[in-house]
């Protein structure tokens, strides 16, 4: 018989407490970066056939921004953590 607890991965340690205003700024910067990367990747471009016209073009940036914020909330690419650490050092 195998021990069922041996197959459960350990819980990662909780992140240290952060300064809210610096963390929020770092997350906003990461979201802005990701939004620009999504734009460069062509997300939200109007297809040549059956597109939504100028209205779709005007609202595509909102879609990219919300998707970028969702990516950051889900863990992002680690840029917010690096920016936070940098902002924290500048504050000292």
N, C-alpha and C. Protein backbone atom coordinates (compact mmCIF):
# COMPACT_ATOMS: atom_id res chain seq x y z
N UNK A 1 0.84 -1.17 0.00
CA UNK A 1 0.00 0.00 0.00
C UNK A 1 0.89 1.24 0.00
N UNK A 2 0.54 2.23 -0.83
CA UNK A 2 1.34 3.45 -0.89
C UNK A 2 0.73 4.52 -0.01
N UNK A 3 1.56 5.39 0.45
CA UNK A 3 1.12 6.48 1.29
C UNK A 3 0.54 7.57 0.39
N UNK A 4 -0.72 7.93 0.54
CA UNK A 4 -1.36 8.92 -0.33
C UNK A 4 -0.82 10.33 -0.09
N UNK A 5 -0.29 10.59 1.07
CA UNK A 5 0.27 11.92 1.35
C UNK A 5 1.59 12.15 0.62
N UNK A 6 2.27 11.08 0.27
CA UNK A 6 3.55 11.23 -0.42
C UNK A 6 3.38 11.79 -1.82
N UNK A 7 2.20 11.62 -2.42
CA UNK A 7 1.99 12.09 -3.79
C UNK A 7 1.51 13.54 -3.84
N UNK A 8 1.17 14.13 -2.71
CA UNK A 8 0.71 15.51 -2.68
C UNK A 8 1.93 16.43 -2.64
N UNK A 9 2.04 17.34 -3.63
CA UNK A 9 3.19 18.25 -3.63
C UNK A 9 3.11 19.23 -2.45
N UNK A 10 4.24 19.67 -1.94
CA UNK A 10 4.21 20.61 -0.83
C UNK A 10 3.64 21.96 -1.27
N UNK A 11 2.98 22.62 -0.35
CA UNK A 11 2.43 23.94 -0.63
C UNK A 11 3.57 24.96 -0.67
N UNK A 12 3.62 25.80 -1.74
CA UNK A 12 4.68 26.80 -1.78
C UNK A 12 4.50 27.81 -0.65
N UNK A 13 5.59 28.38 -0.18
CA UNK A 13 5.48 29.36 0.90
C UNK A 13 4.73 30.60 0.43
N UNK A 14 4.04 31.23 1.35
CA UNK A 14 3.31 32.46 1.03
C UNK A 14 4.31 33.58 0.72
N UNK A 15 3.97 34.45 -0.25
CA UNK A 15 4.88 35.54 -0.55
C UNK A 15 4.98 36.50 0.64
N UNK A 16 6.11 37.17 0.79
CA UNK A 16 6.24 38.12 1.90
C UNK A 16 5.27 39.27 1.73
N UNK A 17 4.90 39.92 2.83
CA UNK A 17 4.00 41.07 2.72
C UNK A 17 4.63 42.16 1.85
N UNK A 18 3.80 42.78 1.04
CA UNK A 18 4.30 43.80 0.11
C UNK A 18 3.69 45.16 0.43
N UNK A 19 4.40 46.19 0.00
CA UNK A 19 3.85 47.54 0.10
C UNK A 19 2.85 47.69 -1.04
N UNK A 20 1.60 47.92 -0.67
CA UNK A 20 0.51 47.90 -1.63
C UNK A 20 0.70 48.87 -2.79
N UNK A 21 1.08 50.10 -2.52
CA UNK A 21 1.17 51.08 -3.61
C UNK A 21 2.30 50.73 -4.58
N UNK A 22 3.41 50.19 -4.09
CA UNK A 22 4.50 49.79 -4.98
C UNK A 22 4.11 48.56 -5.79
N UNK A 23 3.45 47.60 -5.14
CA UNK A 23 3.02 46.38 -5.82
C UNK A 23 1.98 46.71 -6.91
N UNK A 24 1.04 47.60 -6.59
CA UNK A 24 0.03 47.99 -7.58
C UNK A 24 0.69 48.67 -8.78
N UNK A 25 1.67 49.55 -8.52
CA UNK A 25 2.37 50.22 -9.62
C UNK A 25 3.13 49.21 -10.48
N UNK A 26 3.77 48.25 -9.85
CA UNK A 26 4.51 47.23 -10.60
C UNK A 26 3.58 46.38 -11.45
N UNK A 27 2.42 46.03 -10.91
CA UNK A 27 1.46 45.25 -11.67
C UNK A 27 0.89 46.04 -12.85
N UNK A 28 0.65 47.33 -12.65
CA UNK A 28 0.16 48.17 -13.74
C UNK A 28 1.20 48.27 -14.86
N UNK A 29 2.45 48.37 -14.47
CA UNK A 29 3.52 48.45 -15.48
C UNK A 29 3.62 47.14 -16.26
N UNK A 30 3.50 46.00 -15.57
CA UNK A 30 3.54 44.71 -16.26
C UNK A 30 2.34 44.58 -17.20
N UNK A 31 1.17 45.01 -16.75
CA UNK A 31 -0.02 44.94 -17.60
C UNK A 31 0.13 45.81 -18.84
N UNK A 32 0.72 46.99 -18.69
CA UNK A 32 0.94 47.87 -19.85
C UNK A 32 1.91 47.21 -20.83
N UNK A 33 2.95 46.58 -20.31
CA UNK A 33 3.91 45.88 -21.16
C UNK A 33 3.23 44.74 -21.91
N UNK A 34 2.45 43.93 -21.18
CA UNK A 34 1.77 42.80 -21.82
C UNK A 34 0.75 43.27 -22.85
N UNK A 35 0.08 44.36 -22.58
CA UNK A 35 -0.87 44.92 -23.54
C UNK A 35 -0.18 45.29 -24.85
N UNK A 36 0.98 45.91 -24.74
CA UNK A 36 1.74 46.26 -25.94
C UNK A 36 2.24 45.02 -26.68
N UNK A 37 2.61 43.99 -25.93
CA UNK A 37 3.05 42.75 -26.57
C UNK A 37 1.89 42.07 -27.29
N UNK A 38 0.69 42.10 -26.68
CA UNK A 38 -0.48 41.54 -27.33
C UNK A 38 -0.83 42.33 -28.60
N UNK A 39 -0.64 43.63 -28.55
CA UNK A 39 -0.88 44.47 -29.74
C UNK A 39 0.11 44.11 -30.84
N UNK A 40 1.37 43.94 -30.48
CA UNK A 40 2.39 43.57 -31.47
C UNK A 40 2.12 42.19 -32.06
N UNK A 41 1.52 41.31 -31.26
CA UNK A 41 1.20 39.96 -31.73
C UNK A 41 -0.02 39.95 -32.64
N UNK A 42 -0.71 41.08 -32.72
CA UNK A 42 -1.86 41.17 -33.62
C UNK A 42 -3.19 40.89 -32.97
N UNK A 43 -3.23 40.79 -31.65
CA UNK A 43 -4.49 40.54 -30.97
C UNK A 43 -5.40 41.75 -31.12
N UNK A 44 -6.62 41.53 -31.55
CA UNK A 44 -7.59 42.61 -31.67
C UNK A 44 -7.61 43.27 -33.02
N UNK A 45 -6.76 42.82 -33.96
CA UNK A 45 -6.80 43.40 -35.30
C UNK A 45 -8.08 42.95 -35.99
N UNK A 46 -8.65 43.86 -36.76
CA UNK A 46 -9.88 43.55 -37.47
C UNK A 46 -9.58 42.63 -38.65
N UNK A 47 -10.29 41.50 -38.75
CA UNK A 47 -10.08 40.63 -39.90
C UNK A 47 -10.54 41.33 -41.18
N UNK A 48 -9.94 40.97 -42.30
CA UNK A 48 -10.28 41.63 -43.56
C UNK A 48 -11.70 41.32 -44.02
N UNK A 49 -12.18 40.12 -43.71
CA UNK A 49 -13.55 39.79 -44.09
C UNK A 49 -14.39 39.60 -42.84
N UNK A 50 -15.60 40.07 -42.90
CA UNK A 50 -16.55 39.93 -41.80
C UNK A 50 -16.05 40.59 -40.51
N UNK A 51 -15.36 41.69 -40.62
CA UNK A 51 -14.88 42.40 -39.45
C UNK A 51 -15.94 43.32 -38.89
N UNK A 52 -15.68 43.85 -37.72
CA UNK A 52 -16.63 44.72 -37.05
C UNK A 52 -16.50 46.18 -37.44
N UNK A 53 -15.60 46.49 -38.36
CA UNK A 53 -15.45 47.86 -38.82
C UNK A 53 -14.70 48.73 -37.84
N UNK A 54 -14.96 50.04 -37.93
CA UNK A 54 -14.23 51.00 -37.10
C UNK A 54 -14.55 50.83 -35.62
N UNK A 55 -15.76 50.40 -35.30
CA UNK A 55 -16.13 50.20 -33.89
C UNK A 55 -15.27 49.13 -33.24
N UNK A 56 -15.02 48.06 -33.97
CA UNK A 56 -14.16 46.99 -33.44
C UNK A 56 -12.74 47.49 -33.24
N UNK A 57 -12.26 48.27 -34.19
CA UNK A 57 -10.91 48.83 -34.08
C UNK A 57 -10.78 49.72 -32.85
N UNK A 58 -11.81 50.52 -32.58
CA UNK A 58 -11.74 51.45 -31.46
C UNK A 58 -11.77 50.76 -30.10
N UNK A 59 -12.43 49.61 -30.01
CA UNK A 59 -12.55 48.93 -28.73
C UNK A 59 -11.55 47.81 -28.54
N UNK A 60 -10.73 47.53 -29.54
CA UNK A 60 -9.74 46.45 -29.44
C UNK A 60 -8.73 46.73 -28.32
N UNK A 61 -8.39 47.99 -28.09
CA UNK A 61 -7.42 48.32 -27.04
C UNK A 61 -7.97 47.97 -25.66
N UNK A 62 -9.28 48.15 -25.46
CA UNK A 62 -9.88 47.80 -24.17
C UNK A 62 -9.79 46.29 -23.92
N UNK A 63 -10.01 45.52 -24.97
CA UNK A 63 -9.91 44.07 -24.86
C UNK A 63 -8.48 43.66 -24.50
N UNK A 64 -7.51 44.24 -25.19
CA UNK A 64 -6.10 43.93 -24.90
C UNK A 64 -5.73 44.29 -23.47
N UNK A 65 -6.17 45.45 -23.01
CA UNK A 65 -5.86 45.88 -21.65
C UNK A 65 -6.45 44.93 -20.62
N UNK A 66 -7.69 44.53 -20.80
CA UNK A 66 -8.33 43.63 -19.85
C UNK A 66 -7.67 42.24 -19.87
N UNK A 67 -7.29 41.79 -21.05
CA UNK A 67 -6.60 40.50 -21.12
C UNK A 67 -5.23 40.59 -20.46
N UNK A 68 -4.54 41.70 -20.62
CA UNK A 68 -3.25 41.89 -19.97
C UNK A 68 -3.40 41.91 -18.45
N UNK A 69 -4.44 42.60 -17.96
CA UNK A 69 -4.68 42.63 -16.50
C UNK A 69 -5.02 41.24 -15.98
N UNK A 70 -5.78 40.48 -16.74
CA UNK A 70 -6.11 39.11 -16.33
C UNK A 70 -4.85 38.25 -16.28
N UNK A 71 -3.95 38.46 -17.23
CA UNK A 71 -2.69 37.70 -17.23
C UNK A 71 -1.87 38.03 -15.99
N UNK A 72 -1.82 39.31 -15.64
CA UNK A 72 -1.06 39.73 -14.45
C UNK A 72 -1.68 39.13 -13.19
N UNK A 73 -3.01 39.16 -13.09
CA UNK A 73 -3.70 38.60 -11.93
C UNK A 73 -3.45 37.10 -11.80
N UNK A 74 -3.25 36.43 -12.94
CA UNK A 74 -3.01 34.98 -12.93
C UNK A 74 -1.55 34.64 -12.68
N UNK A 75 -0.71 35.64 -12.48
CA UNK A 75 0.70 35.37 -12.19
C UNK A 75 1.65 36.06 -13.14
N UNK A 76 1.16 36.45 -14.29
CA UNK A 76 1.97 37.20 -15.24
C UNK A 76 3.22 36.46 -15.69
N UNK A 77 4.21 37.25 -16.06
CA UNK A 77 5.47 36.69 -16.55
C UNK A 77 6.63 36.96 -15.59
N UNK A 78 6.31 37.48 -14.42
CA UNK A 78 7.34 37.74 -13.42
C UNK A 78 7.92 39.15 -13.47
N UNK A 79 7.45 39.94 -14.42
CA UNK A 79 7.98 41.29 -14.56
C UNK A 79 7.57 42.17 -13.38
N UNK A 80 6.35 42.00 -12.88
CA UNK A 80 5.88 42.81 -11.76
C UNK A 80 6.76 42.61 -10.53
N UNK A 81 7.18 41.37 -10.28
CA UNK A 81 8.04 41.09 -9.13
C UNK A 81 9.38 41.80 -9.27
N UNK A 82 9.96 41.76 -10.46
CA UNK A 82 11.25 42.44 -10.68
C UNK A 82 11.09 43.95 -10.54
N UNK A 83 10.01 44.50 -11.09
CA UNK A 83 9.77 45.93 -10.98
C UNK A 83 9.53 46.33 -9.53
N UNK A 84 8.79 45.50 -8.80
CA UNK A 84 8.53 45.77 -7.38
C UNK A 84 9.83 45.83 -6.59
N UNK A 85 10.69 44.84 -6.80
CA UNK A 85 11.98 44.81 -6.10
C UNK A 85 12.81 46.05 -6.42
N UNK A 86 12.78 46.46 -7.68
CA UNK A 86 13.52 47.65 -8.09
C UNK A 86 12.94 48.91 -7.42
N UNK A 87 11.62 49.02 -7.41
CA UNK A 87 10.98 50.17 -6.76
C UNK A 87 11.26 50.17 -5.26
N UNK A 88 11.28 49.00 -4.66
CA UNK A 88 11.56 48.88 -3.23
C UNK A 88 12.97 49.36 -2.91
N UNK A 89 13.95 49.00 -3.76
CA UNK A 89 15.33 49.44 -3.56
C UNK A 89 15.45 50.95 -3.71
N UNK A 90 14.72 51.52 -4.68
CA UNK A 90 14.77 52.98 -4.90
C UNK A 90 14.18 53.74 -3.72
N UNK A 91 13.25 53.10 -3.02
CA UNK A 91 12.58 53.75 -1.90
C UNK A 91 13.50 53.90 -0.68
N UNK A 92 14.48 53.02 -0.57
CA UNK A 92 15.37 53.03 0.62
C UNK A 92 16.21 54.25 0.69
